[in-house]
């Protein structure tokens, strides 16, 4: 009986340390600040970046590009059956470790639907930062 109590106590103690260790591994992401950005119109996208986008836009994609002390964050949603889509930027913020970006593809309004397929994407321009970008 005494051996069983010790075994149960050791098992409970081991479980506690395993669970405590798991919680120490998961760090909470702390937003330091929202980041300012500009949505770049098609005619103002750098030529090299435009070429890359044109090669990728038929499939969903995410990429970053830097030029002239600017960071460009590009999110594409691949080919859609019609036109009239838009993209909302839900969040663009900085943490200690990375830049986080979250966008949503918004469907076309009924009166704005065209029968021509489209490949919606968005290009965000911000001051260059030496941080990885995490797409959510």
N, C-alpha and C. Protein backbone atom coordinates (compact mmCIF):
# COMPACT_ATOMS: atom_id res chain seq x y z
N UNK A 1 0.82 -1.19 0.00
CA UNK A 1 0.00 0.00 0.00
C UNK A 1 0.87 1.26 0.00
N UNK A 2 1.90 1.22 0.81
CA UNK A 2 2.80 2.36 0.91
C UNK A 2 3.49 2.61 -0.43
N UNK A 3 3.87 1.56 -1.13
CA UNK A 3 4.53 1.68 -2.43
C UNK A 3 3.60 2.28 -3.48
N UNK A 4 2.32 1.97 -3.39
CA UNK A 4 1.34 2.50 -4.33
C UNK A 4 1.18 4.00 -4.12
N UNK A 5 1.14 4.45 -2.86
CA UNK A 5 1.02 5.88 -2.56
C UNK A 5 2.21 6.64 -3.11
N UNK A 6 3.40 6.09 -2.90
CA UNK A 6 4.60 6.74 -3.43
C UNK A 6 4.55 6.82 -4.95
N UNK A 7 4.12 5.74 -5.58
CA UNK A 7 4.04 5.70 -7.05
C UNK A 7 3.05 6.74 -7.56
N UNK A 8 1.90 6.86 -6.89
CA UNK A 8 0.88 7.83 -7.29
C UNK A 8 1.41 9.25 -7.11
N UNK A 9 2.07 9.50 -5.98
CA UNK A 9 2.63 10.84 -5.73
C UNK A 9 3.70 11.17 -6.76
N UNK A 10 4.58 10.22 -7.07
CA UNK A 10 5.60 10.45 -8.09
C UNK A 10 4.97 10.69 -9.46
N UNK A 11 3.93 9.94 -9.78
CA UNK A 11 3.24 10.12 -11.07
C UNK A 11 2.59 11.49 -11.14
N UNK A 12 1.95 11.92 -10.07
CA UNK A 12 1.33 13.25 -10.05
C UNK A 12 2.39 14.35 -10.15
N UNK A 13 3.49 14.19 -9.44
CA UNK A 13 4.57 15.18 -9.50
C UNK A 13 5.16 15.25 -10.90
N UNK A 14 5.38 14.10 -11.52
CA UNK A 14 5.93 14.07 -12.88
C UNK A 14 4.96 14.72 -13.85
N UNK A 15 3.66 14.45 -13.69
CA UNK A 15 2.65 15.06 -14.56
C UNK A 15 2.66 16.58 -14.42
N UNK A 16 2.80 17.06 -13.20
CA UNK A 16 2.84 18.50 -12.96
C UNK A 16 4.01 19.14 -13.70
N UNK A 17 5.20 18.53 -13.58
CA UNK A 17 6.38 19.10 -14.23
C UNK A 17 6.27 19.04 -15.75
N UNK A 18 5.67 17.99 -16.29
CA UNK A 18 5.48 17.90 -17.74
C UNK A 18 4.53 18.99 -18.20
N UNK A 19 3.41 19.14 -17.49
CA UNK A 19 2.44 20.17 -17.87
C UNK A 19 3.02 21.56 -17.69
N UNK A 20 3.73 21.80 -16.63
CA UNK A 20 4.35 23.11 -16.40
C UNK A 20 5.38 23.40 -17.47
N UNK A 21 6.13 22.39 -17.87
CA UNK A 21 7.13 22.57 -18.92
C UNK A 21 6.49 22.93 -20.25
N UNK A 22 5.35 22.33 -20.56
CA UNK A 22 4.66 22.64 -21.81
C UNK A 22 4.19 24.09 -21.82
N UNK A 23 3.69 24.57 -20.69
CA UNK A 23 3.20 25.94 -20.66
C UNK A 23 4.35 26.94 -20.75
N UNK A 24 5.54 26.56 -20.31
CA UNK A 24 6.67 27.46 -20.42
C UNK A 24 7.17 27.55 -21.86
N UNK A 25 6.88 26.53 -22.68
CA UNK A 25 7.31 26.54 -24.06
C UNK A 25 6.45 27.44 -24.93
N UNK A 26 5.20 27.62 -24.56
CA UNK A 26 4.31 28.44 -25.35
C UNK A 26 4.36 29.88 -24.86
N UNK A 27 5.03 30.71 -25.61
CA UNK A 27 5.15 32.11 -25.25
C UNK A 27 3.98 32.89 -25.83
N UNK A 28 3.47 33.80 -25.06
CA UNK A 28 2.40 34.65 -25.54
C UNK A 28 2.98 35.74 -26.44
N UNK A 29 2.35 35.93 -27.57
CA UNK A 29 2.80 36.97 -28.51
C UNK A 29 2.35 38.32 -27.99
N UNK A 30 3.30 39.23 -27.84
CA UNK A 30 2.99 40.57 -27.32
C UNK A 30 3.13 41.58 -28.45
N UNK A 31 2.01 42.21 -28.78
CA UNK A 31 2.02 43.24 -29.82
C UNK A 31 2.68 44.49 -29.26
N UNK A 32 3.76 44.92 -29.93
CA UNK A 32 4.44 46.14 -29.51
C UNK A 32 3.76 47.38 -30.08
N UNK A 33 3.38 47.30 -31.37
CA UNK A 33 2.71 48.43 -32.00
C UNK A 33 2.12 48.03 -33.33
N UNK A 34 1.06 48.74 -33.73
CA UNK A 34 0.53 48.60 -35.08
C UNK A 34 1.50 49.31 -36.02
N UNK A 35 1.61 48.81 -37.22
CA UNK A 35 2.54 49.38 -38.20
C UNK A 35 1.78 50.13 -39.28
N UNK A 36 2.32 51.26 -39.68
CA UNK A 36 1.75 52.03 -40.77
C UNK A 36 2.14 51.42 -42.11
N UNK A 37 1.26 51.53 -43.07
CA UNK A 37 1.52 50.98 -44.40
C UNK A 37 0.71 51.75 -45.44
N UNK A 38 1.10 51.56 -46.67
CA UNK A 38 0.38 52.10 -47.81
C UNK A 38 0.02 50.95 -48.73
N UNK A 39 -1.20 50.94 -49.25
CA UNK A 39 -1.57 49.97 -50.27
C UNK A 39 -1.07 50.54 -51.59
N UNK A 40 -0.23 49.77 -52.28
CA UNK A 40 0.42 50.24 -53.50
C UNK A 40 -0.48 49.97 -54.70
N UNK A 41 -0.73 51.01 -55.51
CA UNK A 41 -1.51 50.82 -56.73
C UNK A 41 -0.67 50.08 -57.76
N UNK A 42 -1.33 49.44 -58.68
CA UNK A 42 -0.65 48.59 -59.66
C UNK A 42 0.44 49.32 -60.42
N UNK A 43 0.20 50.56 -60.79
CA UNK A 43 1.19 51.30 -61.58
C UNK A 43 2.41 51.73 -60.77
N UNK A 44 2.33 51.65 -59.44
CA UNK A 44 3.46 52.06 -58.60
C UNK A 44 4.25 50.88 -58.02
N UNK A 45 3.87 49.66 -58.38
CA UNK A 45 4.61 48.48 -57.93
C UNK A 45 5.94 48.44 -58.67
N UNK A 46 7.07 48.24 -57.96
CA UNK A 46 8.36 48.13 -58.66
C UNK A 46 8.31 47.04 -59.74
N UNK A 47 8.97 47.31 -60.87
CA UNK A 47 8.88 46.43 -62.04
C UNK A 47 9.27 44.98 -61.71
N UNK A 48 10.35 44.79 -60.96
CA UNK A 48 10.78 43.43 -60.64
C UNK A 48 9.74 42.71 -59.78
N UNK A 49 9.15 43.42 -58.84
CA UNK A 49 8.11 42.83 -58.00
C UNK A 49 6.87 42.51 -58.83
N UNK A 50 6.52 43.38 -59.74
CA UNK A 50 5.36 43.15 -60.61
C UNK A 50 5.55 41.87 -61.43
N UNK A 51 6.76 41.64 -61.92
CA UNK A 51 7.05 40.42 -62.68
C UNK A 51 6.86 39.18 -61.80
N UNK A 52 7.34 39.24 -60.57
CA UNK A 52 7.18 38.12 -59.64
C UNK A 52 5.70 37.85 -59.36
N UNK A 53 4.95 38.91 -59.13
CA UNK A 53 3.51 38.77 -58.86
C UNK A 53 2.81 38.14 -60.06
N UNK A 54 3.12 38.63 -61.27
CA UNK A 54 2.48 38.09 -62.47
C UNK A 54 2.74 36.59 -62.64
N UNK A 55 3.93 36.13 -62.23
CA UNK A 55 4.25 34.71 -62.32
C UNK A 55 3.48 33.88 -61.30
N UNK A 56 3.15 34.46 -60.16
CA UNK A 56 2.56 33.71 -59.05
C UNK A 56 1.05 33.88 -58.90
N UNK A 57 0.46 34.89 -59.48
CA UNK A 57 -0.89 35.32 -59.09
C UNK A 57 -2.02 34.33 -59.38
N UNK A 58 -1.82 33.36 -60.22
CA UNK A 58 -2.91 32.42 -60.49
C UNK A 58 -3.13 31.44 -59.35
N UNK A 59 -2.17 31.32 -58.43
CA UNK A 59 -2.30 30.48 -57.25
C UNK A 59 -2.16 31.35 -56.00
N UNK A 60 -2.72 30.93 -54.87
CA UNK A 60 -2.53 31.71 -53.64
C UNK A 60 -1.03 31.82 -53.31
N UNK A 61 -0.61 32.99 -52.85
CA UNK A 61 0.79 33.19 -52.51
C UNK A 61 0.95 34.29 -51.47
N UNK A 62 2.11 34.29 -50.82
CA UNK A 62 2.50 35.31 -49.86
C UNK A 62 3.98 35.53 -50.06
N UNK A 63 4.40 36.79 -50.13
CA UNK A 63 5.82 37.06 -50.29
C UNK A 63 6.17 38.42 -49.74
N UNK A 64 7.47 38.58 -49.50
CA UNK A 64 8.00 39.88 -49.11
C UNK A 64 9.06 40.26 -50.12
N UNK A 65 9.25 41.56 -50.27
CA UNK A 65 10.21 42.10 -51.23
C UNK A 65 10.73 43.40 -50.64
N UNK A 66 12.03 43.62 -50.73
CA UNK A 66 12.57 44.87 -50.22
C UNK A 66 13.31 45.61 -51.32
N UNK A 67 13.16 46.92 -51.30
CA UNK A 67 13.84 47.80 -52.26
C UNK A 67 13.78 49.22 -51.72
N UNK A 68 14.88 49.97 -51.88
CA UNK A 68 14.93 51.39 -51.54
C UNK A 68 14.45 51.69 -50.12
N UNK A 69 14.89 50.90 -49.15
CA UNK A 69 14.54 51.07 -47.73
C UNK A 69 13.05 50.89 -47.44
N UNK A 70 12.36 50.15 -48.32
CA UNK A 70 10.96 49.81 -48.10
C UNK A 70 10.80 48.31 -48.09
N UNK A 71 9.83 47.84 -47.33
CA UNK A 71 9.45 46.44 -47.32
C UNK A 71 8.07 46.34 -47.95
N UNK A 72 7.95 45.47 -48.93
CA UNK A 72 6.67 45.21 -49.59
C UNK A 72 6.17 43.85 -49.13
N UNK A 73 4.96 43.81 -48.65
CA UNK A 73 4.32 42.56 -48.24
C UNK A 73 3.19 42.31 -49.23
N UNK A 74 3.22 41.14 -49.86
CA UNK A 74 2.26 40.85 -50.92
C UNK A 74 1.49 39.58 -50.57
N UNK A 75 0.17 39.66 -50.66
CA UNK A 75 -0.70 38.51 -50.42
C UNK A 75 -1.62 38.36 -51.62
N UNK A 76 -1.60 37.19 -52.22
CA UNK A 76 -2.46 36.90 -53.36
C UNK A 76 -3.38 35.74 -53.05
N UNK A 77 -4.59 35.80 -53.55
CA UNK A 77 -5.59 34.79 -53.25
C UNK A 77 -5.87 33.84 -54.41
N UNK A 78 -5.03 33.87 -55.44
CA UNK A 78 -5.21 32.94 -56.55
C UNK A 78 -6.38 33.32 -57.44
N UNK A 79 -6.57 32.53 -58.47
CA UNK A 79 -7.62 32.84 -59.45
C UNK A 79 -9.00 32.60 -58.85
N UNK A 80 -9.87 33.59 -59.04
CA UNK A 80 -11.26 33.53 -58.60
C UNK A 80 -12.14 33.50 -59.85
N UNK A 81 -13.34 32.95 -59.71
CA UNK A 81 -14.22 32.75 -60.85
C UNK A 81 -14.73 34.05 -61.47
N UNK A 82 -14.69 35.13 -60.69
CA UNK A 82 -15.20 36.40 -61.20
C UNK A 82 -14.34 37.54 -60.68
N UNK A 83 -14.69 38.75 -61.10
CA UNK A 83 -14.02 39.94 -60.62
C UNK A 83 -14.81 40.57 -59.49
N UNK A 84 -14.36 41.73 -59.03
CA UNK A 84 -15.07 42.48 -58.00
C UNK A 84 -14.63 42.18 -56.58
N UNK A 85 -13.59 41.37 -56.40
CA UNK A 85 -13.10 41.06 -55.06
C UNK A 85 -12.27 42.21 -54.50
N UNK A 86 -12.23 42.29 -53.19
CA UNK A 86 -11.34 43.24 -52.52
C UNK A 86 -10.67 42.52 -51.36
N UNK A 87 -9.64 43.13 -50.82
CA UNK A 87 -8.88 42.53 -49.73
C UNK A 87 -8.81 43.52 -48.58
N UNK A 88 -9.19 43.07 -47.40
CA UNK A 88 -9.13 43.89 -46.19
C UNK A 88 -7.89 43.53 -45.39
N UNK A 89 -7.19 44.55 -44.90
CA UNK A 89 -6.06 44.33 -44.01
C UNK A 89 -6.61 44.41 -42.59
N UNK A 90 -6.67 43.26 -41.93
CA UNK A 90 -7.21 43.20 -40.57
C UNK A 90 -6.19 43.69 -39.55
N UNK A 91 -4.95 43.26 -39.72
CA UNK A 91 -3.89 43.65 -38.79
C UNK A 91 -2.53 43.65 -39.48
N UNK A 92 -1.71 44.57 -39.08
CA UNK A 92 -0.29 44.61 -39.45
C UNK A 92 0.41 45.19 -38.23
N UNK A 93 1.14 44.33 -37.52
CA UNK A 93 1.73 44.79 -36.27
C UNK A 93 3.09 44.15 -36.02
N UNK A 94 3.80 44.75 -35.07
CA UNK A 94 5.16 44.35 -34.73
C UNK A 94 5.18 43.69 -33.37
N UNK A 95 5.93 42.58 -33.26
CA UNK A 95 6.24 41.97 -31.97
C UNK A 95 7.76 42.01 -31.83
N UNK A 96 8.25 41.51 -30.74
CA UNK A 96 9.69 41.46 -30.53
C UNK A 96 10.37 40.59 -31.59
N UNK A 97 9.68 39.53 -32.02
CA UNK A 97 10.28 38.56 -32.93
C UNK A 97 9.98 38.78 -34.41
N UNK A 98 8.82 39.37 -34.75
CA UNK A 98 8.40 39.38 -36.15
C UNK A 98 7.36 40.46 -36.43
N UNK A 99 7.05 40.58 -37.72
CA UNK A 99 5.96 41.41 -38.22
C UNK A 99 4.82 40.44 -38.55
N UNK A 100 3.63 40.72 -38.06
CA UNK A 100 2.47 39.87 -38.32
C UNK A 100 1.49 40.60 -39.22
N UNK A 101 0.97 39.88 -40.20
CA UNK A 101 0.00 40.47 -41.12
C UNK A 101 -1.18 39.51 -41.27
N UNK A 102 -2.38 40.07 -41.26
CA UNK A 102 -3.59 39.28 -41.41
C UNK A 102 -4.52 40.02 -42.37
N UNK A 103 -4.94 39.32 -43.42
CA UNK A 103 -5.85 39.91 -44.40
C UNK A 103 -7.03 38.97 -44.64
N UNK A 104 -8.07 39.51 -45.27
CA UNK A 104 -9.25 38.73 -45.61
C UNK A 104 -9.68 39.08 -47.03
N UNK A 105 -9.99 38.04 -47.80
CA UNK A 105 -10.55 38.24 -49.14
C UNK A 105 -12.04 38.48 -49.00
N UNK A 106 -12.51 39.59 -49.55
CA UNK A 106 -13.93 39.94 -49.49
C UNK A 106 -14.57 39.69 -50.84
N UNK A 107 -15.69 39.01 -50.82
CA UNK A 107 -16.38 38.68 -52.07
C UNK A 107 -16.97 39.90 -52.74
N UNK A 108 -17.24 39.79 -54.02
CA UNK A 108 -17.80 40.92 -54.76
C UNK A 108 -19.26 41.17 -54.37
N UNK A 109 -19.64 42.42 -54.45
CA UNK A 109 -21.05 42.77 -54.29
C UNK A 109 -21.79 42.22 -55.52
N UNK A 110 -23.05 41.90 -55.35
CA UNK A 110 -23.80 41.30 -56.46
C UNK A 110 -23.79 42.17 -57.71
N UNK A 111 -23.86 43.47 -57.53
CA UNK A 111 -23.90 44.36 -58.69
C UNK A 111 -22.50 44.62 -59.26
N UNK A 112 -21.44 44.11 -58.61
CA UNK A 112 -20.08 44.33 -59.09
C UNK A 112 -19.43 43.06 -59.64
N UNK A 113 -20.19 41.99 -59.76
CA UNK A 113 -19.64 40.73 -60.25
C UNK A 113 -19.45 40.80 -61.76
N UNK A 114 -18.24 40.50 -62.19
CA UNK A 114 -17.99 40.38 -63.63
C UNK A 114 -17.80 38.90 -63.93
N UNK A 115 -18.05 38.52 -65.14
CA UNK A 115 -17.93 37.11 -65.53
C UNK A 115 -16.48 36.73 -65.85
N UNK A 116 -15.58 37.69 -65.81
CA UNK A 116 -14.18 37.45 -66.15
C UNK A 116 -13.44 37.01 -64.89
N UNK A 117 -12.70 35.89 -64.95
CA UNK A 117 -11.92 35.47 -63.77
C UNK A 117 -10.92 36.56 -63.37
N UNK A 118 -10.59 36.59 -62.09
CA UNK A 118 -9.62 37.57 -61.59
C UNK A 118 -8.66 36.88 -60.62
N UNK A 119 -7.56 37.55 -60.36
CA UNK A 119 -6.54 37.06 -59.42
C UNK A 119 -6.25 38.16 -58.41
N UNK A 120 -7.09 38.30 -57.38
CA UNK A 120 -6.92 39.41 -56.44
C UNK A 120 -5.67 39.27 -55.58
N UNK A 121 -4.98 40.38 -55.42
CA UNK A 121 -3.82 40.44 -54.53
C UNK A 121 -3.69 41.85 -54.00
N UNK A 122 -2.92 41.98 -52.93
CA UNK A 122 -2.69 43.28 -52.34
C UNK A 122 -1.19 43.44 -52.09
N UNK A 123 -0.69 44.66 -52.30
CA UNK A 123 0.71 44.99 -52.05
C UNK A 123 0.74 46.09 -50.99
N UNK A 124 1.35 45.76 -49.85
CA UNK A 124 1.49 46.71 -48.75
C UNK A 124 2.93 47.20 -48.72
N UNK A 125 3.11 48.50 -48.57
CA UNK A 125 4.44 49.10 -48.52
C UNK A 125 4.63 49.76 -47.17
N UNK A 126 5.78 49.46 -46.55
CA UNK A 126 6.09 50.05 -45.26
C UNK A 126 7.59 50.30 -45.17
N UNK A 127 8.01 51.05 -44.18
CA UNK A 127 9.44 51.25 -43.96
C UNK A 127 10.09 49.90 -43.70
N UNK A 128 11.30 49.73 -44.20
CA UNK A 128 12.01 48.46 -44.07
C UNK A 128 12.33 48.16 -42.61
N UNK A 129 12.12 46.91 -42.22
CA UNK A 129 12.50 46.42 -40.89
C UNK A 129 13.15 45.07 -41.07
N UNK A 130 14.18 44.82 -40.29
CA UNK A 130 14.90 43.55 -40.36
C UNK A 130 14.22 42.55 -39.44
N UNK A 131 13.01 42.15 -39.82
CA UNK A 131 12.22 41.18 -39.06
C UNK A 131 11.56 40.22 -40.04
N UNK A 132 11.37 38.97 -39.64
CA UNK A 132 10.61 38.06 -40.50
C UNK A 132 9.14 38.47 -40.50
N UNK A 133 8.44 38.13 -41.57
CA UNK A 133 7.01 38.43 -41.68
C UNK A 133 6.23 37.12 -41.51
N UNK A 134 5.25 37.15 -40.63
CA UNK A 134 4.39 35.99 -40.39
C UNK A 134 3.02 36.31 -40.97
N UNK A 135 2.57 35.47 -41.89
CA UNK A 135 1.27 35.64 -42.53
C UNK A 135 0.26 34.80 -41.75
N UNK A 136 -0.80 35.44 -41.29
CA UNK A 136 -1.83 34.71 -40.53
C UNK A 136 -3.08 34.56 -41.35
